[in-house]
């Protein structure tokens, strides 16, 4: 099982950081529409097969986000 809601996490981190999805898209070199598709659940960030394999091995998948010291 994937323990994170990655799509919601991106929305929250944008709000907390005072930035927009369009700005994030510019920074990472993609389009605002692609970032929007990820945030709205249209494209999955973590591959379902990977999660299924880890579940078969007895693991849940949990991503950890840690703010870099330089950005504080």
N, C-alpha and C. Protein backbone atom coordinates (compact mmCIF):
# COMPACT_ATOMS: atom_id res chain seq x y z
N UNK A 1 0.84 -1.17 0.00
CA UNK A 1 0.00 0.00 0.00
C UNK A 1 0.89 1.24 0.00
N UNK A 2 0.50 2.22 -0.78
CA UNK A 2 1.19 3.50 -0.79
C UNK A 2 0.60 4.35 0.32
N UNK A 3 1.42 4.76 1.27
CA UNK A 3 0.96 5.47 2.46
C UNK A 3 0.82 6.97 2.26
N UNK A 4 1.33 7.51 1.16
CA UNK A 4 1.28 8.95 0.92
C UNK A 4 0.20 9.29 -0.10
N UNK A 5 -0.33 10.48 0.00
CA UNK A 5 -1.17 11.04 -1.04
C UNK A 5 -0.30 12.08 -1.74
N UNK A 6 0.49 11.61 -2.69
CA UNK A 6 1.50 12.46 -3.33
C UNK A 6 0.86 13.67 -4.01
N UNK A 7 -0.27 13.44 -4.65
CA UNK A 7 -0.94 14.53 -5.36
C UNK A 7 -1.32 15.66 -4.39
N UNK A 8 -1.92 15.29 -3.28
CA UNK A 8 -2.30 16.28 -2.27
C UNK A 8 -1.06 16.93 -1.66
N UNK A 9 -0.02 16.14 -1.45
CA UNK A 9 1.22 16.68 -0.88
C UNK A 9 1.82 17.78 -1.75
N UNK A 10 1.78 17.60 -3.07
CA UNK A 10 2.30 18.63 -3.97
C UNK A 10 1.49 19.92 -3.82
N UNK A 11 0.17 19.78 -3.77
CA UNK A 11 -0.68 20.97 -3.59
C UNK A 11 -0.34 21.70 -2.30
N UNK A 12 -0.23 20.94 -1.22
CA UNK A 12 0.05 21.53 0.10
C UNK A 12 1.41 22.21 0.11
N UNK A 13 2.42 21.55 -0.46
CA UNK A 13 3.78 22.12 -0.46
C UNK A 13 3.83 23.39 -1.32
N UNK A 14 3.05 23.45 -2.39
CA UNK A 14 2.98 24.68 -3.18
C UNK A 14 2.41 25.81 -2.34
N UNK A 15 1.33 25.54 -1.63
CA UNK A 15 0.70 26.55 -0.79
C UNK A 15 1.65 26.98 0.33
N UNK A 16 2.25 26.00 1.01
CA UNK A 16 3.18 26.32 2.09
C UNK A 16 4.37 27.14 1.59
N UNK A 17 4.84 26.84 0.38
CA UNK A 17 6.00 27.53 -0.18
C UNK A 17 5.65 28.81 -0.91
N UNK A 18 4.37 29.13 -0.97
CA UNK A 18 3.95 30.35 -1.64
C UNK A 18 4.26 30.35 -3.13
N UNK A 19 4.12 29.19 -3.76
CA UNK A 19 4.40 29.09 -5.19
C UNK A 19 3.20 28.48 -5.91
N UNK A 20 3.28 28.46 -7.21
CA UNK A 20 2.20 27.91 -8.03
C UNK A 20 2.66 26.65 -8.73
N UNK A 21 1.70 25.88 -9.21
CA UNK A 21 2.04 24.69 -9.99
C UNK A 21 2.75 25.10 -11.27
N UNK A 22 2.38 26.24 -11.84
CA UNK A 22 3.04 26.72 -13.06
C UNK A 22 4.51 27.02 -12.80
N UNK A 23 4.81 27.60 -11.64
CA UNK A 23 6.20 27.91 -11.29
C UNK A 23 6.99 26.61 -11.07
N UNK A 24 6.37 25.64 -10.42
CA UNK A 24 7.02 24.34 -10.23
C UNK A 24 7.32 23.71 -11.59
N UNK A 25 6.37 23.79 -12.50
CA UNK A 25 6.58 23.24 -13.84
C UNK A 25 7.76 23.91 -14.52
N UNK A 26 7.85 25.22 -14.40
CA UNK A 26 8.96 25.97 -15.00
C UNK A 26 10.30 25.52 -14.40
N UNK A 27 10.34 25.37 -13.09
CA UNK A 27 11.57 24.98 -12.40
C UNK A 27 12.05 23.59 -12.83
N UNK A 28 11.12 22.65 -12.96
CA UNK A 28 11.51 21.28 -13.31
C UNK A 28 11.58 21.05 -14.81
N UNK A 29 11.20 22.04 -15.60
CA UNK A 29 11.32 21.93 -17.04
C UNK A 29 10.22 21.13 -17.71
N UNK A 30 9.01 21.28 -17.20
CA UNK A 30 7.87 20.60 -17.81
C UNK A 30 6.75 21.62 -18.00
N UNK A 31 5.60 21.14 -18.42
CA UNK A 31 4.49 22.06 -18.68
C UNK A 31 3.56 22.14 -17.47
N UNK A 32 2.89 23.29 -17.32
CA UNK A 32 1.91 23.41 -16.24
C UNK A 32 0.80 22.36 -16.35
N UNK A 33 0.43 21.99 -17.57
CA UNK A 33 -0.64 20.99 -17.72
C UNK A 33 -0.20 19.61 -17.21
N UNK A 34 1.09 19.28 -17.38
CA UNK A 34 1.58 17.99 -16.87
C UNK A 34 1.58 17.98 -15.34
N UNK A 35 2.04 19.06 -14.72
CA UNK A 35 2.01 19.16 -13.26
C UNK A 35 0.57 19.06 -12.78
N UNK A 36 -0.34 19.72 -13.46
CA UNK A 36 -1.76 19.66 -13.10
C UNK A 36 -2.29 18.24 -13.18
N UNK A 37 -1.91 17.50 -14.23
CA UNK A 37 -2.36 16.11 -14.37
C UNK A 37 -1.87 15.26 -13.20
N UNK A 38 -0.64 15.49 -12.77
CA UNK A 38 -0.12 14.74 -11.62
C UNK A 38 -0.88 15.10 -10.35
N UNK A 39 -1.04 16.40 -10.11
CA UNK A 39 -1.71 16.88 -8.90
C UNK A 39 -3.16 16.42 -8.84
N UNK A 40 -3.80 16.35 -9.98
CA UNK A 40 -5.21 15.95 -10.02
C UNK A 40 -5.40 14.45 -10.19
N UNK A 41 -4.31 13.69 -10.10
CA UNK A 41 -4.41 12.23 -10.10
C UNK A 41 -4.49 11.58 -11.46
N UNK A 42 -4.35 12.34 -12.53
CA UNK A 42 -4.41 11.76 -13.87
C UNK A 42 -3.21 10.91 -14.20
N UNK A 43 -2.05 11.32 -13.76
CA UNK A 43 -0.82 10.54 -13.95
C UNK A 43 -0.29 10.18 -12.57
N UNK A 44 0.07 8.94 -12.42
CA UNK A 44 0.59 8.47 -11.14
C UNK A 44 2.09 8.68 -11.07
N UNK A 45 2.56 9.16 -9.94
CA UNK A 45 3.97 9.42 -9.74
C UNK A 45 4.71 8.12 -9.44
N UNK A 46 4.11 7.28 -8.61
CA UNK A 46 4.71 6.01 -8.24
C UNK A 46 4.05 4.90 -9.04
N UNK A 47 4.85 4.08 -9.69
CA UNK A 47 4.39 3.01 -10.54
C UNK A 47 3.62 1.97 -9.73
N UNK A 48 2.41 1.61 -10.19
CA UNK A 48 1.56 0.63 -9.51
C UNK A 48 2.25 -0.73 -9.40
N UNK A 49 3.00 -1.11 -10.43
CA UNK A 49 3.70 -2.40 -10.40
C UNK A 49 4.74 -2.42 -9.29
N UNK A 50 5.47 -1.33 -9.12
CA UNK A 50 6.45 -1.23 -8.04
C UNK A 50 5.77 -1.41 -6.68
N UNK A 51 4.66 -0.71 -6.48
CA UNK A 51 3.95 -0.82 -5.21
C UNK A 51 3.46 -2.26 -5.01
N UNK A 52 2.94 -2.88 -6.06
CA UNK A 52 2.47 -4.27 -5.95
C UNK A 52 3.60 -5.23 -5.61
N UNK A 53 4.77 -5.02 -6.21
CA UNK A 53 5.92 -5.88 -5.90
C UNK A 53 6.32 -5.74 -4.44
N UNK A 54 6.36 -4.50 -3.94
CA UNK A 54 6.74 -4.29 -2.55
C UNK A 54 5.70 -4.88 -1.61
N UNK A 55 4.41 -4.77 -1.97
CA UNK A 55 3.36 -5.39 -1.16
C UNK A 55 3.54 -6.90 -1.12
N UNK A 56 3.88 -7.50 -2.26
CA UNK A 56 4.09 -8.96 -2.33
C UNK A 56 5.25 -9.39 -1.45
N UNK A 57 6.20 -8.48 -1.25
CA UNK A 57 7.35 -8.76 -0.39
C UNK A 57 7.08 -8.41 1.08
N UNK A 58 5.86 -7.94 1.36
CA UNK A 58 5.47 -7.65 2.74
C UNK A 58 5.73 -6.23 3.19
N UNK A 59 5.83 -5.30 2.25
CA UNK A 59 6.12 -3.90 2.59
C UNK A 59 5.02 -2.96 2.13
N UNK A 60 4.84 -1.88 2.88
CA UNK A 60 4.07 -0.73 2.43
C UNK A 60 5.09 0.31 1.96
N UNK A 61 4.69 1.17 1.04
CA UNK A 61 5.57 2.20 0.51
C UNK A 61 5.21 3.54 1.15
N UNK A 62 6.20 4.17 1.73
CA UNK A 62 6.01 5.47 2.37
C UNK A 62 7.15 6.38 1.92
N UNK A 63 6.80 7.51 1.35
CA UNK A 63 7.81 8.49 0.94
C UNK A 63 7.98 9.51 2.04
N UNK A 64 9.21 9.96 2.22
CA UNK A 64 9.50 10.95 3.25
C UNK A 64 10.00 12.22 2.56
N UNK A 65 9.42 13.35 2.93
CA UNK A 65 9.83 14.64 2.39
C UNK A 65 10.55 15.39 3.49
N UNK A 66 11.75 15.81 3.22
CA UNK A 66 12.52 16.59 4.19
C UNK A 66 12.99 17.87 3.52
N UNK A 67 12.66 18.99 4.12
CA UNK A 67 13.07 20.27 3.56
C UNK A 67 14.59 20.40 3.66
N UNK A 68 15.21 20.83 2.57
CA UNK A 68 16.66 21.04 2.59
C UNK A 68 17.01 22.21 3.47
N UNK A 69 18.14 22.12 4.13
CA UNK A 69 18.61 23.20 5.00
C UNK A 69 18.74 24.52 4.26
N UNK A 70 19.25 24.48 3.02
CA UNK A 70 19.49 25.68 2.24
C UNK A 70 18.21 26.44 1.92
N UNK A 71 17.06 25.75 1.90
CA UNK A 71 15.82 26.42 1.52
C UNK A 71 15.06 26.99 2.73
N UNK A 72 15.58 26.81 3.91
CA UNK A 72 14.90 27.31 5.12
C UNK A 72 15.19 28.77 5.32
